[in-house]
Protein backbone atom coordinates (compact mmCIF):
# COMPACT_ATOMS: atom_id res chain seq x y z
CA MET A 1 48.71 74.40 24.56
CA VAL A 2 46.54 73.10 27.28
CA VAL A 3 46.67 75.91 30.31
CA ILE A 4 46.13 74.32 33.46
CA LYS A 5 44.72 75.89 36.28
CA ILE A 6 45.30 74.88 39.94
CA THR A 7 43.83 76.72 42.97
CA VAL A 8 44.67 75.72 46.58
CA TYR A 9 41.57 76.80 48.99
CA GLY A 10 42.27 77.32 52.64
CA ALA A 11 42.72 79.86 55.64
CA GLU A 12 44.85 81.24 58.00
CA ILE A 13 43.70 79.31 60.84
CA LYS A 14 44.18 75.48 60.14
CA CYS A 15 41.19 73.15 60.40
CA ALA A 16 41.06 71.34 63.33
CA SER A 17 41.92 67.70 61.84
CA CYS A 18 44.83 69.62 59.87
CA ILE A 19 46.69 71.25 62.74
CA HIS A 20 49.98 69.16 62.31
CA LEU A 21 50.17 69.85 58.61
CA PRO A 22 51.50 73.07 56.89
CA SER A 23 49.18 75.79 56.34
CA ALA A 24 47.34 76.01 53.02
CA TYR A 25 49.39 78.64 51.83
CA GLU A 26 52.51 76.56 52.82
CA THR A 27 50.75 73.60 50.71
CA LYS A 28 50.25 75.82 47.86
CA GLU A 29 53.90 77.24 47.81
CA TRP A 30 55.19 73.21 48.10
CA LEU A 31 52.87 72.13 45.20
CA GLU A 32 53.96 74.85 43.10
CA ALA A 33 57.46 74.17 43.61
CA ALA A 34 57.04 70.69 43.25
CA ILE A 35 54.81 70.95 39.76
CA LYS A 36 57.24 73.59 38.28
CA ARG A 37 60.04 70.93 38.93
CA LYS A 38 57.97 68.10 37.59
CA PHE A 39 56.54 70.01 34.62
CA PRO A 40 58.44 72.67 33.78
CA GLU A 41 57.49 73.13 30.27
CA LYS A 42 53.81 73.13 30.96
CA ALA A 43 51.43 75.97 31.51
CA ILE A 44 50.27 75.71 34.80
CA ASP A 45 48.65 78.68 36.54
CA ILE A 46 48.83 78.06 40.49
CA HIS A 47 46.97 80.21 42.92
CA TYR A 48 45.86 80.34 46.51
CA CYS A 49 42.19 81.62 47.40
CA ASP A 50 41.38 82.26 51.09
CA ILE A 51 38.27 80.97 51.82
CA GLU A 52 37.22 84.40 53.69
CA ASN A 53 38.15 86.41 50.66
CA PRO A 54 36.89 84.59 47.66
CA VAL A 55 37.01 86.71 44.19
CA THR A 56 35.41 84.82 41.49
CA LYS A 57 31.98 82.51 41.30
CA GLU A 58 34.21 79.42 41.35
CA GLU A 59 36.03 80.41 44.42
CA HIS A 60 32.73 81.41 46.25
CA SER A 61 31.48 78.28 45.23
CA PHE A 62 34.13 75.88 46.74
CA SER A 63 34.82 78.55 49.79
CA ASP A 64 30.95 77.67 50.81
CA LYS A 65 31.43 74.12 50.39
CA ILE A 66 34.26 74.41 52.83
CA GLU A 67 32.32 76.34 55.00
CA GLU A 68 29.46 73.83 54.99
CA GLU A 69 32.13 71.12 55.93
CA GLU A 70 31.63 69.18 52.48
CA TYR A 71 35.22 69.62 51.84
CA PHE A 72 38.32 70.04 54.06
CA TYR A 73 41.36 72.47 53.65
CA PRO A 74 43.43 72.72 51.86
CA LEU A 75 41.44 71.79 49.06
CA VAL A 76 43.24 71.36 45.89
CA VAL A 77 40.95 72.44 42.38
CA LEU A 78 42.52 71.57 39.09
CA ASN A 79 40.57 73.05 36.25
CA GLY A 80 37.43 73.20 38.29
CA GLU A 81 37.80 69.62 39.50
CA VAL A 82 38.83 68.51 42.91
CA VAL A 83 41.89 66.35 42.84
CA ALA A 84 42.78 66.45 46.78
CA GLU A 85 41.81 67.76 50.42
CA GLY A 86 43.42 68.04 53.59
CA ASN A 87 46.88 66.29 53.08
CA PRO A 88 47.30 66.11 49.25
CA LYS A 89 49.16 63.77 47.67
CA LEU A 90 51.50 64.51 44.81
CA ALA A 91 51.27 61.50 42.76
CA THR A 92 47.62 61.79 42.72
CA ILE A 93 48.02 65.71 41.44
CA PHE A 94 50.65 64.72 38.99
CA LYS A 95 49.01 61.78 37.21
CA LYS A 96 45.75 64.09 36.93
CA ILE A 97 48.41 66.77 35.14
CA GLU A 98 49.40 64.05 32.89
CA GLU A 99 45.99 63.30 31.99
CA ILE A 100 45.17 66.67 31.22
CA SER A 101 48.43 66.94 29.00
CA LEU A 102 47.82 64.09 26.81
């Protein structure tokens, strides 16, 4: 079985362009609930990374890119690949999960 790892990057303070959207952590919770409903049988690990406190090398890399404004947050990374930023779309994320699961 393929394990899918999803990381949602963000910070407590919302970026200026996302002030009207949920926080990155709220986005992670929303995505987790939606993904687990859609794919209950899949092994999907979803976690949140605060860009101010990255732990792994990958987390440091994406956090640095957000700080350098290469990406907006919340940033959604699926198995190391950016699939959404700012206001993530479920359809895009679901499609990527389905592609990986084939």
